[in-house]
């Protein structure tokens, strides 16, 4: 799915939700939604705030939009591990497959682009279960943290 098609799909879902609440799809809401529909589908709140500042969107607005996106079921939050305090927000879209690496030291998340792994997981068949999408997370240490450790 292209970035434009993905954005159109989730923007329609959000607009429909907002309509039921008597709200509109503001420029700020559109921008934050576009961040999720770009090359990176997962963000921490801090990462979103850092990105939004570049577009003159306040921290409070980002948190309000995140809450709204979650209520509209456009994004969901995922704890990176049982013991982790870091929460990542990701698109909650059927047919959205995600491959990611998470640094266990700095909690940085990198979206992987590996068609071979995506194809392998997508083609897997399970008894009594039909998969619609998947999230595959690989934990370890990023290059920056490994250098700091040395």
N, C-alpha and C. Protein backbone atom coordinates (compact mmCIF):
# COMPACT_ATOMS: atom_id res chain seq x y z
N UNK A 1 0.84 -1.18 0.00
CA UNK A 1 0.00 0.00 0.00
C UNK A 1 0.89 1.24 0.00
N UNK A 2 0.63 2.19 -0.89
CA UNK A 2 1.44 3.39 -0.97
C UNK A 2 1.14 4.30 0.21
N UNK A 3 2.06 5.24 0.46
CA UNK A 3 1.86 6.19 1.57
C UNK A 3 0.57 6.99 1.36
N UNK A 4 0.32 7.41 0.11
CA UNK A 4 -0.88 8.19 -0.18
C UNK A 4 -2.15 7.39 0.07
N UNK A 5 -2.17 6.14 -0.38
CA UNK A 5 -3.35 5.29 -0.18
C UNK A 5 -3.57 5.01 1.30
N UNK A 6 -2.47 4.75 2.01
CA UNK A 6 -2.56 4.50 3.44
C UNK A 6 -3.11 5.74 4.15
N UNK A 7 -2.57 6.91 3.78
CA UNK A 7 -3.05 8.15 4.40
C UNK A 7 -4.54 8.36 4.12
N UNK A 8 -4.95 8.16 2.89
CA UNK A 8 -6.37 8.34 2.54
C UNK A 8 -7.26 7.41 3.36
N UNK A 9 -6.81 6.17 3.53
CA UNK A 9 -7.60 5.19 4.29
C UNK A 9 -7.76 5.62 5.75
N UNK A 10 -6.66 5.96 6.40
CA UNK A 10 -6.75 6.31 7.82
C UNK A 10 -7.35 7.70 8.04
N UNK A 11 -7.13 8.61 7.09
CA UNK A 11 -7.74 9.95 7.20
C UNK A 11 -9.26 9.82 7.09
N UNK A 12 -9.75 8.96 6.23
CA UNK A 12 -11.20 8.73 6.10
C UNK A 12 -11.74 8.15 7.40
N UNK A 13 -11.02 7.17 7.98
CA UNK A 13 -11.44 6.57 9.24
C UNK A 13 -11.51 7.62 10.34
N UNK A 14 -10.48 8.48 10.41
CA UNK A 14 -10.46 9.52 11.43
C UNK A 14 -11.55 10.56 11.18
N UNK A 15 -11.73 10.96 9.93
CA UNK A 15 -12.76 11.96 9.60
C UNK A 15 -14.15 11.44 9.96
N UNK A 16 -14.41 10.17 9.70
CA UNK A 16 -15.70 9.57 10.06
C UNK A 16 -15.91 9.60 11.57
N UNK A 17 -14.86 9.27 12.31
CA UNK A 17 -14.95 9.30 13.77
C UNK A 17 -15.20 10.72 14.26
N UNK A 18 -14.43 11.67 13.73
CA UNK A 18 -14.57 13.06 14.16
C UNK A 18 -15.97 13.60 13.88
N UNK A 19 -16.54 13.19 12.78
CA UNK A 19 -17.88 13.62 12.40
C UNK A 19 -18.90 13.21 13.47
N UNK A 20 -18.74 11.99 14.01
CA UNK A 20 -19.66 11.52 15.06
C UNK A 20 -19.49 12.31 16.36
N UNK A 21 -18.34 12.95 16.52
CA UNK A 21 -18.05 13.73 17.74
C UNK A 21 -18.24 15.23 17.53
N UNK A 22 -18.66 15.61 16.30
CA UNK A 22 -18.85 17.03 16.01
C UNK A 22 -17.55 17.80 15.91
N UNK A 23 -16.47 17.12 15.54
CA UNK A 23 -15.16 17.77 15.42
C UNK A 23 -14.71 17.71 13.97
N UNK A 24 -13.65 18.46 13.68
CA UNK A 24 -13.15 18.49 12.30
C UNK A 24 -11.73 17.96 12.23
N UNK A 25 -11.32 17.63 11.02
CA UNK A 25 -9.96 17.14 10.78
C UNK A 25 -9.06 18.34 10.57
N UNK A 26 -8.51 18.85 11.67
CA UNK A 26 -7.68 20.05 11.63
C UNK A 26 -6.34 19.78 10.94
N UNK A 27 -5.66 20.85 10.60
CA UNK A 27 -4.35 20.76 9.96
C UNK A 27 -3.38 20.00 10.87
N UNK A 28 -3.41 20.28 12.16
CA UNK A 28 -2.50 19.62 13.11
C UNK A 28 -2.79 18.12 13.17
N UNK A 29 -4.05 17.74 13.18
CA UNK A 29 -4.43 16.32 13.20
C UNK A 29 -3.96 15.64 11.92
N UNK A 30 -4.14 16.32 10.81
CA UNK A 30 -3.68 15.77 9.53
C UNK A 30 -2.18 15.55 9.52
N UNK A 31 -1.44 16.52 10.03
CA UNK A 31 0.03 16.43 10.05
C UNK A 31 0.49 15.23 10.88
N UNK A 32 -0.03 15.10 12.10
CA UNK A 32 0.37 13.99 12.96
C UNK A 32 0.01 12.67 12.29
N UNK A 33 -1.13 12.60 11.67
CA UNK A 33 -1.54 11.39 10.96
C UNK A 33 -0.59 11.10 9.80
N UNK A 34 -0.14 12.14 9.12
CA UNK A 34 0.82 11.96 8.02
C UNK A 34 2.14 11.39 8.51
N UNK A 35 2.56 11.75 9.72
CA UNK A 35 3.79 11.18 10.27
C UNK A 35 3.69 9.66 10.32
N UNK A 36 2.54 9.15 10.78
CA UNK A 36 2.33 7.71 10.88
C UNK A 36 2.26 7.04 9.52
N UNK A 37 1.87 7.76 8.50
CA UNK A 37 1.68 7.17 7.18
C UNK A 37 2.92 7.30 6.30
N UNK A 38 3.97 7.90 6.82
CA UNK A 38 5.21 8.02 6.07
C UNK A 38 6.01 6.72 6.14
N UNK A 39 7.31 6.84 6.01
CA UNK A 39 8.18 5.66 6.04
C UNK A 39 8.19 4.98 7.40
N UNK A 40 7.83 5.72 8.41
CA UNK A 40 7.89 5.21 9.78
C UNK A 40 6.47 5.12 10.33
N UNK A 41 6.05 3.91 10.69
CA UNK A 41 4.67 3.70 11.15
C UNK A 41 4.56 3.64 12.67
N UNK A 42 5.69 3.73 13.36
CA UNK A 42 5.67 3.63 14.82
C UNK A 42 6.46 4.78 15.42
N UNK A 43 5.90 5.36 16.48
CA UNK A 43 6.51 6.52 17.12
C UNK A 43 6.29 6.46 18.62
N UNK A 44 7.26 6.93 19.39
CA UNK A 44 7.00 7.21 20.80
C UNK A 44 6.41 8.62 20.84
N UNK A 45 5.79 8.97 21.95
CA UNK A 45 5.23 10.32 22.09
C UNK A 45 6.34 11.36 21.99
N UNK A 46 7.48 11.07 22.59
CA UNK A 46 8.61 12.01 22.56
C UNK A 46 9.08 12.22 21.11
N UNK A 47 9.18 11.15 20.35
CA UNK A 47 9.60 11.27 18.95
C UNK A 47 8.60 12.10 18.15
N UNK A 48 7.32 11.89 18.41
CA UNK A 48 6.30 12.68 17.71
C UNK A 48 6.39 14.15 18.07
N UNK A 49 6.60 14.45 19.34
CA UNK A 49 6.73 15.85 19.76
C UNK A 49 7.94 16.49 19.08
N UNK A 50 9.07 15.77 19.06
CA UNK A 50 10.27 16.30 18.41
C UNK A 50 10.01 16.59 16.94
N UNK A 51 9.30 15.70 16.27
CA UNK A 51 8.98 15.87 14.85
C UNK A 51 7.98 17.00 14.65
N UNK A 52 6.97 17.09 15.50
CA UNK A 52 5.92 18.08 15.37
C UNK A 52 6.42 19.50 15.59
N UNK A 53 7.42 19.66 16.45
CA UNK A 53 7.99 20.98 16.71
C UNK A 53 8.49 21.59 15.41
N UNK A 54 9.01 20.75 14.52
CA UNK A 54 9.48 21.23 13.21
C UNK A 54 8.34 21.84 12.39
N UNK A 55 7.11 21.41 12.66
CA UNK A 55 5.93 21.92 11.95
C UNK A 55 5.13 22.90 12.81
N UNK A 56 5.77 23.41 13.87
CA UNK A 56 5.14 24.39 14.77
C UNK A 56 3.87 23.85 15.43
N UNK A 57 3.89 22.58 15.81
CA UNK A 57 2.77 21.96 16.53
C UNK A 57 3.23 21.77 17.97
N UNK A 58 2.42 22.22 18.91
CA UNK A 58 2.82 22.18 20.31
C UNK A 58 2.78 20.77 20.89
N UNK A 59 3.49 20.61 21.97
CA UNK A 59 3.52 19.33 22.69
C UNK A 59 2.11 18.92 23.13
N UNK A 60 1.37 19.87 23.70
CA UNK A 60 0.02 19.57 24.18
C UNK A 60 -0.87 19.10 23.03
N UNK A 61 -0.73 19.74 21.87
CA UNK A 61 -1.53 19.34 20.70
C UNK A 61 -1.18 17.92 20.28
N UNK A 62 0.09 17.58 20.28
CA UNK A 62 0.50 16.22 19.90
C UNK A 62 -0.14 15.20 20.84
N UNK A 63 -0.08 15.44 22.14
CA UNK A 63 -0.68 14.50 23.10
C UNK A 63 -2.19 14.42 22.93
N UNK A 64 -2.84 15.55 22.66
CA UNK A 64 -4.28 15.54 22.42
C UNK A 64 -4.63 14.77 21.16
N UNK A 65 -3.85 14.96 20.11
CA UNK A 65 -4.09 14.25 18.85
C UNK A 65 -3.85 12.75 19.04
N UNK A 66 -2.81 12.38 19.77
CA UNK A 66 -2.55 10.96 20.05
C UNK A 66 -3.74 10.32 20.76
N UNK A 67 -4.25 11.00 21.76
CA UNK A 67 -5.41 10.48 22.50
C UNK A 67 -6.61 10.30 21.56
N UNK A 68 -6.81 11.29 20.70
CA UNK A 68 -7.91 11.25 19.74
C UNK A 68 -7.72 10.10 18.73
N UNK A 69 -6.50 9.96 18.21
CA UNK A 69 -6.22 8.87 17.25
C UNK A 69 -6.45 7.51 17.88
N UNK A 70 -6.11 7.41 19.16
CA UNK A 70 -6.33 6.14 19.86
C UNK A 70 -7.83 5.89 20.07
N UNK A 71 -8.57 6.91 20.45
CA UNK A 71 -10.02 6.77 20.63
C UNK A 71 -10.70 6.39 19.32
N UNK A 72 -10.18 6.92 18.21
CA UNK A 72 -10.74 6.62 16.89
C UNK A 72 -10.25 5.27 16.36
N UNK A 73 -9.39 4.62 17.12
CA UNK A 73 -8.80 3.32 16.76
C UNK A 73 -7.99 3.39 15.48
N UNK A 74 -7.40 4.56 15.23
CA UNK A 74 -6.51 4.74 14.09
C UNK A 74 -5.10 4.30 14.48
N UNK A 75 -4.72 4.57 15.73
CA UNK A 75 -3.44 4.09 16.26
C UNK A 75 -3.71 3.31 17.53
N UNK A 76 -2.76 2.50 17.90
CA UNK A 76 -2.83 1.77 19.17
C UNK A 76 -1.47 1.92 19.83
N UNK A 77 -1.45 1.79 21.15
CA UNK A 77 -0.15 1.85 21.80
C UNK A 77 0.27 0.44 22.19
N UNK A 78 1.57 0.23 22.07
CA UNK A 78 2.15 -1.09 22.32
C UNK A 78 3.33 -0.90 23.26
N UNK A 79 3.34 -1.64 24.34
CA UNK A 79 4.49 -1.64 25.25
C UNK A 79 5.57 -2.50 24.59
N UNK A 80 6.79 -2.02 24.55
CA UNK A 80 7.85 -2.71 23.82
C UNK A 80 8.28 -4.04 24.44
N UNK A 81 8.09 -4.20 25.71
CA UNK A 81 8.32 -5.48 26.37
C UNK A 81 7.61 -5.42 27.72
N UNK A 82 7.51 -6.55 28.37
CA UNK A 82 6.81 -6.59 29.66
C UNK A 82 7.39 -5.62 30.67
N UNK A 83 8.72 -5.50 30.69
CA UNK A 83 9.39 -4.67 31.69
C UNK A 83 9.62 -3.23 31.22
N UNK A 84 9.34 -2.95 29.97
CA UNK A 84 9.63 -1.64 29.40
C UNK A 84 8.57 -0.62 29.80
N UNK A 85 9.04 0.58 30.07
CA UNK A 85 8.12 1.69 30.33
C UNK A 85 7.84 2.46 29.04
N UNK A 86 8.59 2.14 28.00
CA UNK A 86 8.43 2.82 26.73
C UNK A 86 7.20 2.31 26.00
N UNK A 87 6.36 3.23 25.59
CA UNK A 87 5.16 2.89 24.83
C UNK A 87 5.33 3.44 23.43
N UNK A 88 5.00 2.64 22.46
CA UNK A 88 5.10 3.04 21.07
C UNK A 88 3.69 3.09 20.49
N UNK A 89 3.42 4.12 19.74
CA UNK A 89 2.15 4.24 19.04
C UNK A 89 2.37 3.76 17.61
N UNK A 90 1.45 2.93 17.13
CA UNK A 90 1.56 2.45 15.76
C UNK A 90 0.20 2.46 15.09
N UNK A 91 0.22 2.50 13.77
CA UNK A 91 -1.03 2.46 13.02
C UNK A 91 -1.78 1.19 13.34
N UNK A 92 -3.06 1.30 13.43
CA UNK A 92 -3.92 0.16 13.72
C UNK A 92 -4.74 -0.12 12.46
N UNK A 93 -4.03 -0.52 11.41
CA UNK A 93 -4.66 -0.69 10.11
C UNK A 93 -4.54 -2.15 9.69
N UNK A 94 -5.65 -2.75 9.31
CA UNK A 94 -5.61 -4.11 8.78
C UNK A 94 -4.71 -4.11 7.56
N UNK A 95 -4.03 -5.19 7.34
CA UNK A 95 -3.11 -5.36 6.22
C UNK A 95 -1.82 -4.57 6.38
N UNK A 96 -1.57 -4.01 7.56
CA UNK A 96 -0.31 -3.30 7.78
C UNK A 96 0.64 -4.23 8.51
N UNK A 97 1.68 -4.65 7.82
CA UNK A 97 2.69 -5.52 8.41
C UNK A 97 3.85 -4.67 8.87
N UNK A 98 4.42 -5.04 10.01
CA UNK A 98 5.49 -4.23 10.57
C UNK A 98 6.66 -5.10 10.98
N UNK A 99 7.83 -4.71 10.54
CA UNK A 99 9.09 -5.32 10.97
C UNK A 99 9.88 -4.21 11.65
N UNK A 100 10.36 -4.45 12.87
CA UNK A 100 11.05 -3.40 13.60
C UNK A 100 12.16 -3.95 14.46
N UNK A 101 13.17 -3.09 14.72
CA UNK A 101 14.24 -3.40 15.65
C UNK A 101 14.14 -2.40 16.80
N UNK A 102 14.29 -2.89 18.02
CA UNK A 102 14.21 -2.03 19.20
C UNK A 102 15.51 -2.17 19.98
N UNK A 103 16.16 -1.04 20.24
CA UNK A 103 17.37 -1.04 21.05
C UNK A 103 16.96 -1.14 22.52
N UNK A 104 17.49 -2.14 23.21
CA UNK A 104 17.13 -2.36 24.61
C UNK A 104 17.80 -1.37 25.55
N UNK A 105 18.77 -0.62 25.05
CA UNK A 105 19.44 0.38 25.89
C UNK A 105 18.81 1.76 25.76
N UNK A 106 18.65 2.25 24.53
CA UNK A 106 18.12 3.61 24.33
C UNK A 106 16.66 3.63 23.89
N UNK A 107 16.09 2.45 23.65
CA UNK A 107 14.69 2.29 23.24
C UNK A 107 14.39 2.83 21.84
N UNK A 108 15.44 3.12 21.06
CA UNK A 108 15.24 3.58 19.69
C UNK A 108 14.58 2.47 18.88
N UNK A 109 13.66 2.85 18.01
CA UNK A 109 12.94 1.90 17.17
C UNK A 109 13.25 2.20 15.72
N UNK A 110 13.63 1.18 14.99
CA UNK A 110 13.93 1.33 13.57
C UNK A 110 13.02 0.39 12.79
N UNK A 111 12.31 0.94 11.83
CA UNK A 111 11.46 0.14 10.96
C UNK A 111 12.34 -0.57 9.93
N UNK A 112 12.15 -1.88 9.80
CA UNK A 112 12.93 -2.66 8.85
C UNK A 112 12.23 -2.73 7.50
N UNK A 113 13.01 -2.74 6.47
CA UNK A 113 12.49 -2.94 5.12
C UNK A 113 13.14 -4.23 4.61
N UNK A 114 12.50 -5.35 4.85
CA UNK A 114 13.06 -6.64 4.43
C UNK A 114 11.94 -7.47 3.80
N UNK A 115 11.86 -7.40 2.50
CA UNK A 115 10.79 -8.08 1.77
C UNK A 115 10.84 -9.59 1.97
N UNK A 116 12.03 -10.15 2.08
CA UNK A 116 12.15 -11.60 2.25
C UNK A 116 11.51 -12.07 3.56
N UNK A 117 11.78 -11.34 4.65
CA UNK A 117 11.17 -11.71 5.94
C UNK A 117 9.67 -11.47 5.89
N UNK A 118 9.25 -10.33 5.35
CA UNK A 118 7.82 -10.03 5.26
C UNK A 118 7.09 -11.10 4.45
N UNK A 119 7.66 -11.52 3.34
CA UNK A 119 7.04 -12.57 2.52
C UNK A 119 6.97 -13.89 3.28
N UNK A 120 8.05 -14.22 3.98
CA UNK A 120 8.09 -15.47 4.73
C UNK A 120 7.00 -15.52 5.80
N UNK A 121 6.87 -14.45 6.57
CA UNK A 121 5.86 -14.40 7.63
C UNK A 121 4.46 -14.35 7.02
N UNK A 122 4.28 -13.57 5.98
CA UNK A 122 2.96 -13.42 5.35
C UNK A 122 2.44 -14.74 4.77
N UNK A 123 3.33 -15.58 4.28
CA UNK A 123 2.93 -16.83 3.64
C UNK A 123 2.71 -17.97 4.63
N UNK A 124 3.08 -17.76 5.88
CA UNK A 124 2.92 -18.79 6.90
C UNK A 124 1.45 -19.09 7.13
N UNK A 125 1.09 -20.35 7.18
CA UNK A 125 -0.29 -20.78 7.44
C UNK A 125 -0.40 -21.36 8.84
N UNK A 126 -1.49 -21.05 9.50
CA UNK A 126 -1.72 -21.53 10.86
C UNK A 126 -3.07 -22.26 10.89
N UNK A 127 -3.12 -23.36 11.61
CA UNK A 127 -4.37 -24.10 11.76
C UNK A 127 -5.36 -23.26 12.57
N UNK A 128 -6.58 -23.18 12.11
CA UNK A 128 -7.66 -22.50 12.82
C UNK A 128 -7.42 -20.99 13.03
N UNK A 129 -6.59 -20.40 12.15
CA UNK A 129 -6.30 -18.98 12.31
C UNK A 129 -5.92 -18.39 10.96
N UNK A 130 -6.56 -17.29 10.59
CA UNK A 130 -6.20 -16.60 9.35
C UNK A 130 -5.60 -15.25 9.71
N UNK A 131 -4.34 -15.07 9.38
CA UNK A 131 -3.60 -13.85 9.71
C UNK A 131 -4.02 -12.72 8.78
N UNK A 132 -4.21 -11.54 9.36
CA UNK A 132 -4.51 -10.36 8.54
C UNK A 132 -3.32 -9.40 8.48
N UNK A 133 -2.52 -9.38 9.53
CA UNK A 133 -1.32 -8.55 9.56
C UNK A 133 -0.41 -9.07 10.67
N UNK A 134 0.81 -8.54 10.72
CA UNK A 134 1.73 -8.98 11.76
C UNK A 134 2.68 -7.86 12.16
N UNK A 135 3.23 -8.02 13.37
CA UNK A 135 4.30 -7.16 13.87
C UNK A 135 5.41 -8.08 14.33
N UNK A 136 6.59 -7.90 13.77
CA UNK A 136 7.76 -8.69 14.16
C UNK A 136 8.77 -7.73 14.77
N UNK A 137 9.13 -7.96 16.03
CA UNK A 137 10.05 -7.08 16.74
C UNK A 137 11.32 -7.83 17.10
N UNK A 138 12.45 -7.24 16.76
CA UNK A 138 13.76 -7.80 17.07
C UNK A 138 14.40 -6.88 18.10
N UNK A 139 14.82 -7.44 19.23
CA UNK A 139 15.44 -6.66 20.29
C UNK A 139 16.95 -6.85 20.28
N UNK A 140 17.69 -5.80 20.62
CA UNK A 140 19.14 -5.86 20.68
C UNK A 140 19.69 -4.48 20.98
N UNK A 141 20.95 -4.26 20.62
CA UNK A 141 21.59 -2.96 20.84
C UNK A 141 21.91 -2.31 19.50
N UNK A 142 21.58 -1.04 19.40
CA UNK A 142 21.85 -0.31 18.17
C UNK A 142 23.35 0.01 18.07
N UNK A 143 23.75 0.46 16.91
CA UNK A 143 25.14 0.78 16.63
C UNK A 143 25.68 1.86 17.56
N UNK A 144 24.88 2.88 17.82
CA UNK A 144 25.29 4.00 18.69
C UNK A 144 25.56 3.49 20.11
N UNK A 145 24.65 2.67 20.64
CA UNK A 145 24.83 2.15 22.00
C UNK A 145 26.00 1.19 22.09
N UNK A 146 26.22 0.42 21.06
CA UNK A 146 27.36 -0.51 21.06
C UNK A 146 28.67 0.27 21.09
N UNK A 147 28.72 1.40 20.36
CA UNK A 147 29.93 2.23 20.35
C UNK A 147 30.16 2.86 21.72
N UNK A 148 29.07 3.31 22.38
CA UNK A 148 29.20 3.92 23.71
C UNK A 148 29.71 2.90 24.72
N UNK A 149 29.32 1.66 24.53
CA UNK A 149 29.69 0.57 25.44
C UNK A 149 31.18 0.22 25.34
N UNK A 150 31.75 0.39 24.14
CA UNK A 150 33.15 0.03 23.89
C UNK A 150 34.13 0.93 24.57
